[in-house]
Amino acid sequence: MSLAAKRGLTYPLEVDVNGQLKTSTDYNLVREHIMSVLDTRPYERVLRADYGLPDLIFEVINPVLINSRISKAILDEVTELSDLEVDGEWRNTGEEGIYQVRITYFVNGGPQPGISFALQR
C-alpha cells in the first residue's frame, strides 16, 4: 500500500491562515491517527462507541494489560501499520508511580518516530 495519496484532516483539528481546515498527508496522518486513538475515550465519538483507549487512570497499573489495551485500540483503528510494538517501564516517585509508555510503529516496513507518554497513578 502506498501512502502517497493519503490525505486527511489534522489532529487536533486546526484552521490555517486562509480559514481552511488544515490537512495532513502520508506518515504525519498515520501518526495523528494514532494520537487520536490514544486521546479519545470510548463513547466520545458519535456512532463509534468502541473508538479510542479506555481511561486507565482507575486501573491497577499492570504493564502487560496496559500494553495490550493500547495495542488493541491502535490496531483496531489504524490500518496503515505494518508493525506495532508497545512497551514501557515503571518509575517510582515516592508513593506515586509513573508508567512510561513507548510506542514503536512501522508503516510500509519503515520505522517511524516513536511516541512516548506517561500514565501516572
N, C-alpha and C. Protein backbone atom coordinates (compact mmCIF):
# COMPACT_ATOMS: atom_id res chain seq x y z
N MET A 1 0.84 -1.18 0.00
CA MET A 1 0.00 0.00 0.00
C MET A 1 0.88 1.24 0.00
N SER A 2 0.61 2.14 -0.87
CA SER A 2 1.35 3.39 -0.93
C SER A 2 0.60 4.46 -0.17
N LEU A 3 1.34 5.24 0.59
CA LEU A 3 0.71 6.32 1.33
C LEU A 3 0.68 7.63 0.55
N ALA A 4 1.24 7.64 -0.63
CA ALA A 4 1.37 8.88 -1.39
C ALA A 4 0.04 9.60 -1.59
N ALA A 5 -1.05 8.88 -1.65
CA ALA A 5 -2.34 9.51 -1.91
C ALA A 5 -3.15 9.74 -0.64
N LYS A 6 -2.60 9.44 0.52
CA LYS A 6 -3.33 9.59 1.79
C LYS A 6 -3.36 11.05 2.22
N ARG A 7 -4.56 11.56 2.47
CA ARG A 7 -4.72 12.94 2.95
C ARG A 7 -5.93 12.96 3.87
N GLY A 8 -5.83 13.72 4.96
CA GLY A 8 -6.95 13.83 5.88
C GLY A 8 -6.80 15.06 6.76
N LEU A 9 -7.81 15.33 7.55
CA LEU A 9 -7.77 16.47 8.46
C LEU A 9 -6.73 16.24 9.55
N THR A 10 -6.06 17.32 9.96
CA THR A 10 -5.06 17.21 11.01
C THR A 10 -5.72 16.85 12.34
N TYR A 11 -4.94 16.25 13.20
CA TYR A 11 -5.38 16.01 14.57
C TYR A 11 -4.32 16.58 15.47
N PRO A 12 -4.70 17.45 16.39
CA PRO A 12 -6.04 18.00 16.59
C PRO A 12 -6.43 18.95 15.46
N LEU A 13 -7.72 19.11 15.28
CA LEU A 13 -8.27 19.92 14.21
C LEU A 13 -7.75 21.36 14.31
N GLU A 14 -7.28 21.90 13.18
CA GLU A 14 -6.75 23.26 13.14
C GLU A 14 -7.27 23.97 11.90
N VAL A 15 -7.26 25.30 11.97
CA VAL A 15 -7.63 26.14 10.84
C VAL A 15 -6.39 26.91 10.42
N ASP A 16 -6.10 26.94 9.10
CA ASP A 16 -4.92 27.68 8.66
C ASP A 16 -5.26 29.16 8.48
N VAL A 17 -4.29 29.95 8.06
CA VAL A 17 -4.47 31.41 7.96
C VAL A 17 -5.51 31.80 6.92
N ASN A 18 -5.80 30.93 5.97
CA ASN A 18 -6.80 31.22 4.94
C ASN A 18 -8.21 30.85 5.36
N GLY A 19 -8.36 30.32 6.58
CA GLY A 19 -9.67 29.92 7.07
C GLY A 19 -10.06 28.50 6.69
N GLN A 20 -9.16 27.80 6.02
CA GLN A 20 -9.41 26.41 5.62
C GLN A 20 -8.97 25.47 6.73
N LEU A 21 -9.60 24.31 6.81
CA LEU A 21 -9.15 23.29 7.74
C LEU A 21 -7.82 22.73 7.26
N LYS A 22 -6.87 22.60 8.19
CA LYS A 22 -5.56 22.05 7.82
C LYS A 22 -5.68 20.57 7.56
N THR A 23 -4.83 20.10 6.65
CA THR A 23 -4.79 18.68 6.35
C THR A 23 -3.37 18.15 6.55
N SER A 24 -3.29 16.86 6.75
CA SER A 24 -2.02 16.16 6.86
C SER A 24 -1.97 15.08 5.80
N THR A 25 -0.76 14.68 5.46
CA THR A 25 -0.61 13.63 4.46
C THR A 25 0.35 12.56 4.95
N ASP A 26 0.24 11.42 4.33
CA ASP A 26 1.17 10.31 4.46
C ASP A 26 1.48 9.94 5.90
N TYR A 27 2.75 9.92 6.27
CA TYR A 27 3.18 9.42 7.57
C TYR A 27 2.72 10.32 8.72
N ASN A 28 2.61 11.62 8.48
CA ASN A 28 2.08 12.52 9.52
C ASN A 28 0.63 12.18 9.83
N LEU A 29 -0.12 11.82 8.82
CA LEU A 29 -1.52 11.45 9.00
C LEU A 29 -1.64 10.18 9.85
N VAL A 30 -0.77 9.22 9.61
CA VAL A 30 -0.78 7.98 10.39
C VAL A 30 -0.48 8.28 11.86
N ARG A 31 0.55 9.09 12.11
CA ARG A 31 0.91 9.46 13.49
C ARG A 31 -0.25 10.17 14.18
N GLU A 32 -0.89 11.09 13.48
CA GLU A 32 -2.02 11.82 14.07
C GLU A 32 -3.21 10.88 14.32
N HIS A 33 -3.37 9.88 13.48
CA HIS A 33 -4.45 8.90 13.70
C HIS A 33 -4.17 8.11 14.98
N ILE A 34 -2.92 7.72 15.21
CA ILE A 34 -2.55 7.03 16.45
C ILE A 34 -2.83 7.94 17.64
N MET A 35 -2.45 9.19 17.56
CA MET A 35 -2.68 10.13 18.66
C MET A 35 -4.17 10.32 18.92
N SER A 36 -4.96 10.33 17.87
CA SER A 36 -6.41 10.44 18.02
C SER A 36 -6.97 9.26 18.81
N VAL A 37 -6.50 8.06 18.50
CA VAL A 37 -6.95 6.87 19.22
C VAL A 37 -6.55 6.98 20.70
N LEU A 38 -5.32 7.40 20.97
CA LEU A 38 -4.84 7.50 22.35
C LEU A 38 -5.57 8.57 23.16
N ASP A 39 -5.98 9.64 22.50
CA ASP A 39 -6.61 10.77 23.19
C ASP A 39 -8.12 10.64 23.33
N THR A 40 -8.73 9.67 22.66
CA THR A 40 -10.18 9.53 22.66
C THR A 40 -10.59 8.39 23.59
N ARG A 41 -11.63 8.62 24.37
CA ARG A 41 -12.17 7.59 25.25
C ARG A 41 -13.39 6.96 24.58
N PRO A 42 -13.64 5.67 24.83
CA PRO A 42 -14.84 5.04 24.25
C PRO A 42 -16.10 5.86 24.55
N TYR A 43 -16.99 5.91 23.60
CA TYR A 43 -18.27 6.63 23.64
C TYR A 43 -18.12 8.14 23.45
N GLU A 44 -16.92 8.65 23.22
CA GLU A 44 -16.76 10.08 22.94
C GLU A 44 -17.13 10.41 21.49
N ARG A 45 -17.07 9.44 20.62
CA ARG A 45 -17.41 9.67 19.22
C ARG A 45 -18.80 9.12 18.93
N VAL A 46 -19.62 9.95 18.32
CA VAL A 46 -20.97 9.54 17.96
C VAL A 46 -20.89 8.41 16.94
N LEU A 47 -21.63 7.36 17.15
CA LEU A 47 -21.70 6.19 16.29
C LEU A 47 -20.40 5.39 16.22
N ARG A 48 -19.44 5.69 17.07
CA ARG A 48 -18.17 4.93 17.11
C ARG A 48 -17.83 4.64 18.57
N ALA A 49 -18.69 3.94 19.27
CA ALA A 49 -18.55 3.72 20.71
C ALA A 49 -17.25 3.01 21.08
N ASP A 50 -16.74 2.15 20.21
CA ASP A 50 -15.53 1.39 20.53
C ASP A 50 -14.24 2.12 20.17
N TYR A 51 -14.34 3.27 19.52
CA TYR A 51 -13.14 4.00 19.10
C TYR A 51 -12.43 4.58 20.32
N GLY A 52 -11.13 4.40 20.39
CA GLY A 52 -10.35 5.03 21.44
C GLY A 52 -9.80 4.06 22.46
N LEU A 53 -9.17 4.64 23.44
CA LEU A 53 -8.50 3.89 24.51
C LEU A 53 -9.25 4.10 25.80
N PRO A 54 -9.62 3.02 26.50
CA PRO A 54 -10.32 3.19 27.78
C PRO A 54 -9.47 4.01 28.76
N ASP A 55 -10.13 4.74 29.61
CA ASP A 55 -9.43 5.53 30.62
C ASP A 55 -8.78 4.57 31.61
N LEU A 56 -7.48 4.63 31.71
CA LEU A 56 -6.74 3.69 32.55
C LEU A 56 -6.40 4.26 33.92
N ILE A 57 -6.88 5.47 34.23
CA ILE A 57 -6.49 6.13 35.47
C ILE A 57 -6.94 5.38 36.72
N PHE A 58 -8.07 4.67 36.63
CA PHE A 58 -8.57 3.96 37.81
C PHE A 58 -8.18 2.48 37.81
N GLU A 59 -7.42 2.08 36.82
CA GLU A 59 -6.98 0.69 36.71
C GLU A 59 -5.74 0.46 37.57
N VAL A 60 -5.59 -0.77 38.01
CA VAL A 60 -4.33 -1.16 38.60
C VAL A 60 -3.34 -1.17 37.45
N ILE A 61 -2.22 -0.51 37.64
CA ILE A 61 -1.29 -0.39 36.52
C ILE A 61 -0.51 -1.69 36.37
N ASN A 62 -1.00 -2.49 35.46
CA ASN A 62 -0.39 -3.76 35.12
C ASN A 62 0.20 -3.58 33.72
N PRO A 63 1.52 -3.55 33.58
CA PRO A 63 2.13 -3.27 32.28
C PRO A 63 1.64 -4.16 31.14
N VAL A 64 1.47 -5.43 31.37
CA VAL A 64 1.02 -6.34 30.31
C VAL A 64 -0.38 -5.95 29.86
N LEU A 65 -1.28 -5.68 30.79
CA LEU A 65 -2.65 -5.29 30.47
C LEU A 65 -2.68 -3.95 29.74
N ILE A 66 -1.95 -2.98 30.24
CA ILE A 66 -1.93 -1.66 29.62
C ILE A 66 -1.38 -1.74 28.20
N ASN A 67 -0.26 -2.42 28.04
CA ASN A 67 0.34 -2.54 26.71
C ASN A 67 -0.61 -3.22 25.73
N SER A 68 -1.30 -4.26 26.17
CA SER A 68 -2.21 -4.96 25.27
C SER A 68 -3.44 -4.11 24.93
N ARG A 69 -3.94 -3.33 25.87
CA ARG A 69 -5.09 -2.45 25.59
C ARG A 69 -4.70 -1.37 24.59
N ILE A 70 -3.51 -0.80 24.77
CA ILE A 70 -3.05 0.23 23.84
C ILE A 70 -2.87 -0.37 22.45
N SER A 71 -2.22 -1.53 22.37
CA SER A 71 -2.01 -2.20 21.08
C SER A 71 -3.33 -2.48 20.39
N LYS A 72 -4.29 -3.04 21.12
CA LYS A 72 -5.58 -3.38 20.53
C LYS A 72 -6.30 -2.14 20.02
N ALA A 73 -6.31 -1.09 20.83
CA ALA A 73 -7.00 0.14 20.42
C ALA A 73 -6.40 0.71 19.14
N ILE A 74 -5.09 0.71 19.04
CA ILE A 74 -4.43 1.25 17.85
C ILE A 74 -4.65 0.33 16.65
N LEU A 75 -4.40 -0.95 16.82
CA LEU A 75 -4.53 -1.89 15.69
C LEU A 75 -5.95 -2.00 15.17
N ASP A 76 -6.95 -1.80 16.04
CA ASP A 76 -8.34 -1.83 15.61
C ASP A 76 -8.67 -0.68 14.67
N GLU A 77 -7.96 0.44 14.79
CA GLU A 77 -8.34 1.65 14.04
C GLU A 77 -7.33 2.10 12.99
N VAL A 78 -6.06 1.83 13.17
CA VAL A 78 -5.04 2.35 12.27
C VAL A 78 -4.58 1.21 11.37
N THR A 79 -5.12 1.17 10.18
CA THR A 79 -4.88 0.05 9.27
C THR A 79 -3.58 0.18 8.48
N GLU A 80 -2.96 1.33 8.50
CA GLU A 80 -1.75 1.56 7.69
C GLU A 80 -0.48 0.98 8.31
N LEU A 81 -0.56 0.47 9.53
CA LEU A 81 0.64 -0.02 10.22
C LEU A 81 1.05 -1.39 9.71
N SER A 82 2.36 -1.56 9.52
CA SER A 82 2.87 -2.88 9.17
C SER A 82 3.41 -3.59 10.41
N ASP A 83 3.68 -2.86 11.47
CA ASP A 83 4.13 -3.45 12.73
C ASP A 83 3.91 -2.43 13.85
N LEU A 84 3.66 -2.94 15.05
CA LEU A 84 3.43 -2.08 16.22
C LEU A 84 4.00 -2.77 17.44
N GLU A 85 4.74 -2.02 18.24
CA GLU A 85 5.27 -2.52 19.50
C GLU A 85 4.95 -1.50 20.59
N VAL A 86 4.40 -1.99 21.70
CA VAL A 86 4.10 -1.14 22.84
C VAL A 86 4.81 -1.73 24.04
N ASP A 87 5.63 -0.91 24.69
CA ASP A 87 6.28 -1.36 25.92
C ASP A 87 6.40 -0.17 26.86
N GLY A 88 6.97 -0.41 28.01
CA GLY A 88 7.11 0.69 28.97
C GLY A 88 7.94 0.28 30.16
N GLU A 89 8.08 1.23 31.06
CA GLU A 89 8.84 0.96 32.29
C GLU A 89 8.25 1.76 33.44
N TRP A 90 8.36 1.19 34.61
CA TRP A 90 7.88 1.81 35.84
C TRP A 90 8.92 2.78 36.38
N ARG A 91 8.44 3.88 36.91
CA ARG A 91 9.28 4.81 37.67
C ARG A 91 8.55 5.12 38.96
N ASN A 92 9.17 4.82 40.07
CA ASN A 92 8.55 5.13 41.36
C ASN A 92 8.95 6.52 41.80
N THR A 93 7.96 7.29 42.24
CA THR A 93 8.20 8.64 42.75
C THR A 93 7.54 8.73 44.12
N GLY A 94 8.17 8.18 45.12
CA GLY A 94 7.57 8.16 46.46
C GLY A 94 6.41 7.19 46.49
N GLU A 95 5.26 7.67 46.94
CA GLU A 95 4.07 6.82 46.99
C GLU A 95 3.41 6.65 45.63
N GLU A 96 3.70 7.55 44.73
CA GLU A 96 3.11 7.51 43.40
C GLU A 96 4.03 6.77 42.44
N GLY A 97 3.47 6.29 41.38
CA GLY A 97 4.25 5.62 40.35
C GLY A 97 3.89 6.16 38.98
N ILE A 98 4.84 6.12 38.09
CA ILE A 98 4.63 6.56 36.72
C ILE A 98 5.00 5.41 35.80
N TYR A 99 4.12 5.09 34.88
CA TYR A 99 4.42 4.09 33.87
C TYR A 99 4.67 4.83 32.56
N GLN A 100 5.91 4.81 32.11
CA GLN A 100 6.30 5.49 30.88
C GLN A 100 6.08 4.54 29.70
N VAL A 101 5.15 4.89 28.82
CA VAL A 101 4.78 4.05 27.68
C VAL A 101 5.57 4.51 26.45
N ARG A 102 6.06 3.53 25.69
CA ARG A 102 6.75 3.80 24.43
C ARG A 102 6.07 3.00 23.32
N ILE A 103 5.73 3.71 22.26
CA ILE A 103 5.09 3.06 21.11
C ILE A 103 6.05 3.19 19.92
N THR A 104 6.38 2.04 19.36
CA THR A 104 7.20 1.99 18.16
C THR A 104 6.32 1.41 17.06
N TYR A 105 6.31 2.05 15.91
CA TYR A 105 5.46 1.54 14.83
C TYR A 105 6.15 1.68 13.49
N PHE A 106 5.69 0.88 12.55
CA PHE A 106 6.26 0.83 11.22
C PHE A 106 5.14 0.99 10.20
N VAL A 107 5.42 1.75 9.16
CA VAL A 107 4.48 1.92 8.05
C VAL A 107 5.21 1.48 6.79
N ASN A 108 4.60 0.58 6.04
CA ASN A 108 5.22 0.01 4.84
C ASN A 108 6.60 -0.58 5.15
N GLY A 109 6.75 -1.13 6.34
CA GLY A 109 8.01 -1.75 6.73
C GLY A 109 9.06 -0.78 7.23
N GLY A 110 8.80 0.51 7.14
CA GLY A 110 9.78 1.51 7.57
C GLY A 110 9.47 2.04 8.96
N PRO A 111 10.50 2.16 9.81
CA PRO A 111 10.27 2.68 11.16
C PRO A 111 9.88 4.15 11.14
N GLN A 112 9.02 4.53 12.06
CA GLN A 112 8.56 5.91 12.19
C GLN A 112 9.00 6.44 13.55
N PRO A 113 9.01 7.76 13.75
CA PRO A 113 9.39 8.30 15.06
C PRO A 113 8.44 7.76 16.13
N GLY A 114 9.01 7.33 17.24
CA GLY A 114 8.21 6.74 18.32
C GLY A 114 7.33 7.77 19.03
N ILE A 115 6.43 7.24 19.81
CA ILE A 115 5.53 8.06 20.61
C ILE A 115 5.72 7.63 22.06
N SER A 116 5.88 8.60 22.96
CA SER A 116 6.03 8.31 24.39
C SER A 116 5.05 9.16 25.18
N PHE A 117 4.53 8.56 26.25
CA PHE A 117 3.69 9.31 27.18
C PHE A 117 3.70 8.58 28.51
N ALA A 118 3.24 9.25 29.55
CA ALA A 118 3.28 8.69 30.90
C ALA A 118 1.88 8.52 31.46
N LEU A 119 1.69 7.42 32.17
CA LEU A 119 0.47 7.18 32.94
C LEU A 119 0.86 7.31 34.39
N GLN A 120 0.23 8.23 35.07
CA GLN A 120 0.58 8.48 36.47
C GLN A 120 -0.51 7.98 37.39
N ARG A 121 -0.09 7.41 38.48
CA ARG A 121 -1.05 6.88 39.44
C ARG A 121 -0.89 7.59 40.75
